[in-house]
Protein backbone atom coordinates (compact mmCIF):
# COMPACT_ATOMS: atom_id res chain seq x y z
CA MET A 1 147.42 249.57 12.69
CA LYS A 2 148.52 247.42 9.78
CA LYS A 3 149.76 244.82 12.18
CA GLN A 4 146.64 244.89 13.97
CA VAL A 5 144.55 243.89 10.72
CA LEU A 6 146.99 241.04 9.64
CA ILE A 7 146.62 239.40 13.08
CA LEU A 8 142.52 239.93 12.56
CA LEU A 9 142.92 238.39 9.14
CA VAL A 10 145.13 235.62 10.48
CA LEU A 11 142.48 234.82 13.42
CA CYS A 12 139.77 234.83 10.93
CA LEU A 13 141.41 232.61 8.63
CA GLY A 14 142.26 230.24 11.25
CA PHE A 15 138.64 230.19 12.33
CA GLN A 16 137.57 229.06 8.79
CA LEU A 17 139.98 226.49 8.53
CA HIS A 18 138.99 225.17 12.04
CA ALA A 19 136.84 222.14 11.75
CA GLN A 20 133.56 222.21 13.60
CA LYS A 21 133.77 219.31 15.82
CA ILE A 22 130.29 218.06 16.81
CA LEU A 23 128.82 215.31 18.78
CA PHE A 24 125.21 213.92 18.03
CA ILE A 25 123.22 212.33 21.00
CA GLY A 26 120.16 210.80 20.35
CA ASN A 27 118.11 207.90 18.79
CA SER A 28 116.79 206.58 15.59
CA LEU A 29 115.55 209.97 14.58
CA THR A 30 119.10 211.13 14.21
CA TYR A 31 120.89 208.07 12.69
CA ALA A 32 117.90 207.55 10.29
CA ASN A 33 119.64 208.15 6.86
CA ASP A 34 122.77 209.24 8.48
CA LEU A 35 121.84 212.91 9.29
CA PRO A 36 125.55 213.92 10.50
CA LEU A 37 126.82 212.65 7.14
CA ILE A 38 124.32 214.79 5.57
CA LEU A 39 125.15 217.68 7.42
CA GLU A 40 129.03 217.16 6.51
CA GLU A 41 128.36 216.82 2.85
CA ILE A 42 126.30 220.22 2.82
CA GLY A 43 129.28 221.78 4.59
CA ASN A 44 131.58 220.54 1.68
CA ASN A 45 129.70 222.35 -0.79
CA TYR A 46 130.50 225.66 1.31
CA ASN A 47 134.39 224.54 2.02
CA LYS A 48 133.23 224.14 5.66
CA LYS A 49 134.92 221.34 7.58
CA ILE A 50 132.42 219.71 9.70
CA SER A 51 133.40 216.41 11.57
CA THR A 52 130.72 214.69 13.53
CA GLU A 53 130.65 211.78 15.68
CA MET A 54 127.21 210.08 16.99
CA ILE A 55 126.02 208.35 20.15
CA CYS A 56 122.40 207.14 18.76
CA TYR A 57 120.53 204.05 20.06
CA PRO A 58 116.90 202.94 19.31
CA ASN A 59 114.28 204.48 21.76
CA TYR A 60 116.87 206.28 23.76
CA ALA A 61 115.89 209.31 25.88
CA ILE A 62 118.91 211.82 26.78
CA VAL A 63 118.52 210.20 30.29
CA ASP A 64 119.53 206.86 29.05
CA HIS A 65 122.66 208.06 27.66
CA LEU A 66 123.38 209.88 30.91
CA GLU A 67 122.81 206.91 33.06
CA GLU A 68 125.41 205.01 30.73
CA GLY A 69 127.81 207.55 31.13
CA LYS A 70 129.72 207.17 27.74
CA VAL A 71 128.65 210.73 26.72
CA GLN A 72 129.93 212.46 29.91
CA LYS A 73 133.58 210.83 29.11
CA LYS A 74 133.45 211.89 25.29
CA ILE A 75 132.55 215.46 26.20
CA ALA A 76 135.27 215.62 28.91
CA THR A 77 138.04 214.41 26.78
CA GLU A 78 137.28 215.11 22.90
CA ASN A 79 137.03 219.04 22.89
CA TYR A 80 133.84 219.24 20.81
CA ASP A 81 132.59 222.62 19.50
CA TYR A 82 129.07 221.47 19.70
CA VAL A 83 126.97 218.72 21.44
CA ILE A 84 123.73 218.40 19.99
CA ILE A 85 120.96 216.39 21.78
CA GLN A 86 117.77 214.81 20.56
CA GLN A 87 115.11 212.51 22.04
CA GLY A 88 111.67 211.76 21.23
CA PRO A 89 108.66 214.47 20.49
CA SER A 90 108.58 215.00 24.29
CA SER A 91 104.90 216.67 23.96
CA GLN A 92 103.97 215.25 27.38
CA GLU A 93 104.86 216.60 30.71
CA GLU A 94 107.31 213.70 31.39
CA GLY A 95 109.14 214.13 28.06
CA ARG A 96 109.43 217.76 28.93
CA LYS A 97 110.96 217.41 32.16
CA MET A 98 113.42 214.93 30.61
CA LEU A 99 114.31 217.37 28.04
CA ILE A 100 115.02 220.07 30.83
CA ASP A 101 116.50 217.94 33.61
CA SER A 102 118.71 216.01 30.98
CA GLY A 103 119.64 219.04 29.29
CA GLU A 104 120.71 220.84 32.54
CA VAL A 105 123.12 218.21 33.32
CA LEU A 106 124.79 218.39 29.97
CA SER A 107 124.67 222.28 29.90
CA THR A 108 126.81 222.12 33.11
CA LEU A 109 129.13 219.65 31.53
CA CYS A 110 129.58 221.51 28.30
CA LYS A 111 130.22 224.85 29.65
CA LYS A 112 132.87 223.43 31.87
CA HIS A 113 134.54 222.27 28.75
CA ASN A 114 134.06 225.09 26.45
CA THR A 115 131.37 223.41 24.58
CA LYS A 116 127.85 224.56 23.18
CA LEU A 117 125.09 222.60 23.74
CA GLY A 118 122.26 222.50 21.33
CA TYR A 119 118.69 221.01 21.21
CA TYR A 120 117.68 219.24 17.99
CA MET A 121 113.83 219.75 17.99
CA VAL A 122 112.15 216.71 16.29
CA TRP A 123 108.37 216.15 15.28
CA PRO A 124 105.46 213.82 16.20
CA SER A 125 104.27 210.91 14.36
CA LYS A 126 101.45 211.46 11.82
CA ARG A 127 99.41 209.51 14.56
CA TYR A 128 99.97 212.13 17.26
CA TYR A 129 100.36 215.29 14.87
CA PHE A 130 97.88 217.05 16.96
CA THR A 131 100.50 217.32 19.63
CA PHE A 132 103.02 219.39 17.56
CA ASP A 133 102.53 222.70 19.09
CA LYS A 134 103.61 221.20 22.56
CA VAL A 135 106.70 219.57 20.96
CA ILE A 136 107.73 222.85 19.72
CA LYS A 137 106.95 224.71 23.02
CA ASN A 138 108.69 222.43 25.26
CA HIS A 139 111.70 222.05 23.20
CA THR A 140 112.04 225.78 22.82
CA GLU A 141 111.43 226.15 26.79
CA ALA A 142 114.10 223.65 27.36
CA ALA A 143 116.82 225.16 25.32
CA LYS A 144 116.00 228.64 26.83
CA MET A 145 116.28 227.48 30.46
CA ASN A 146 119.43 225.69 30.01
CA GLU A 147 121.03 228.62 27.71
CA ALA A 148 121.52 226.13 24.81
CA LEU A 149 120.96 226.68 21.17
CA LEU A 150 117.98 225.40 19.58
CA PHE A 151 117.91 223.73 15.89
CA PRO A 152 113.97 224.24 15.23
CA VAL A 153 113.66 221.37 12.93
CA GLY A 154 110.32 220.53 14.29
CA LYS A 155 108.95 224.04 13.64
CA TYR A 156 110.33 224.04 10.01
CA TRP A 157 108.87 220.56 9.65
CA LYS A 158 105.10 221.59 10.59
CA GLU A 159 105.41 224.58 8.44
CA TYR A 160 106.79 222.69 5.25
CA ASN A 161 103.78 220.32 5.69
CA THR A 162 101.52 223.40 5.01
CA LEU A 163 103.07 223.73 1.49
CA LYS A 164 101.98 221.57 -1.73
CA THR A 165 105.00 219.80 -2.42
CA ASN A 166 105.64 216.32 -4.21
CA THR A 167 108.11 215.02 -1.33
CA SER A 168 106.96 213.78 1.99
CA LEU A 169 109.31 214.54 4.86
CA TYR A 170 107.84 211.24 6.84
CA ASP A 171 108.99 207.83 5.92
CA LYS A 172 106.69 204.96 5.41
CA ASP A 173 106.29 204.23 9.21
CA LEU A 174 104.88 207.94 9.41
CA PHE A 175 107.32 208.94 12.07
CA HIS A 176 110.97 208.31 11.08
CA PRO A 177 112.30 210.89 8.65
CA SER A 178 112.43 210.01 4.89
CA LYS A 179 115.70 211.00 3.02
CA ALA A 180 114.10 214.33 2.42
CA GLY A 181 113.17 214.83 5.94
CA SER A 182 116.82 213.98 7.19
CA PHE A 183 118.07 216.42 4.53
CA LEU A 184 115.62 219.29 5.86
CA ALA A 185 116.92 218.90 9.08
CA ALA A 186 120.46 218.93 8.30
CA LEU A 187 119.82 221.96 6.18
CA ILE A 188 118.40 223.67 9.09
CA LEU A 189 121.38 222.70 11.34
CA PHE A 190 123.86 224.16 8.83
CA LYS A 191 122.09 227.55 8.42
CA LYS A 192 122.08 227.56 12.28
CA LEU A 193 125.63 227.01 12.67
CA TYR A 194 126.54 229.39 9.52
CA PRO A 195 123.96 231.99 9.62
CA THR A 196 125.51 234.27 7.06
CA GLU A 197 125.70 231.42 4.01
CA SER A 198 123.06 231.63 1.50
CA LEU A 199 121.42 228.33 0.93
CA GLN A 200 120.61 229.62 -2.43
CA LYS A 201 124.11 228.76 -3.34
CA LEU A 202 123.61 224.96 -2.97
CA PRO A 203 122.86 223.62 -6.37
CA PHE A 204 120.06 221.10 -6.64
CA LYS A 205 121.99 218.77 -8.78
CA LYS A 206 124.19 218.31 -5.38
CA VAL A 207 121.07 217.36 -3.38
CA ARG A 208 119.13 214.95 -5.60
CA PHE A 209 120.06 212.02 -3.81
CA TRP A 210 117.88 213.31 -0.54
CA VAL A 211 115.41 215.44 -2.46
CA ALA A 212 114.26 214.18 -6.02
CA HIS A 213 112.03 216.80 -7.08
CA LYS A 214 113.28 220.34 -7.50
CA LYS A 215 110.34 222.30 -6.41
CA SER A 216 110.25 220.61 -3.05
CA TYR A 217 113.96 221.52 -2.46
CA ILE A 218 113.31 225.26 -3.46
CA ALA A 219 110.32 225.22 -0.98
CA MET A 220 112.74 223.97 1.62
CA VAL A 221 115.46 226.67 1.30
CA ASN A 222 112.99 229.47 0.95
CA LEU A 223 111.13 228.45 3.97
CA ILE A 224 114.50 228.33 5.97
CA GLU A 225 116.02 231.42 4.39
CA ASN A 226 112.50 233.54 4.87
């Protein structure tokens, strides 16, 4: 019995020490403010080793990456734990179809290489804010259909905007994320990857570079935790 417990402890310790290796595939909504790096920094505060790579180009949809073929080679050879995919808001039927079809291709590939696929749900621009519900619906359905994880950033983004805070998630162009917007996204990603970790343990002084107002930060944490 003692031997079995010891083996279990060793396995658990090995899992904790193992770096989560993540490939981000997307466009400027991911590389703005270097979202993957923010995720790594949050992980550091919890002694979590997160190693990220990013293949993101301006205005790219997932299908554009598939046509180039680079992501397929990376997934087949790099032994990622997670592949997180992102494209534009995808509120219209064409975008929905692209989310589903491209995700199906990557889902099959990820399963073949023991990698978990995840969808990074984004948000619409302020101009097309009225399409938000379709953005959420299409990402949710695509993830379910392709048996993928869903990182529901857009859902929390919309909920945050109903709160009275001093910090905007949008940058000046009213589409790309501000530093706070990218931080919120990274915080949601982290919580999804490590659901048992309490975000309350992350002190405000560690995140002031991204979120200048403490009340806004507390609002983010409470929103995600609840």
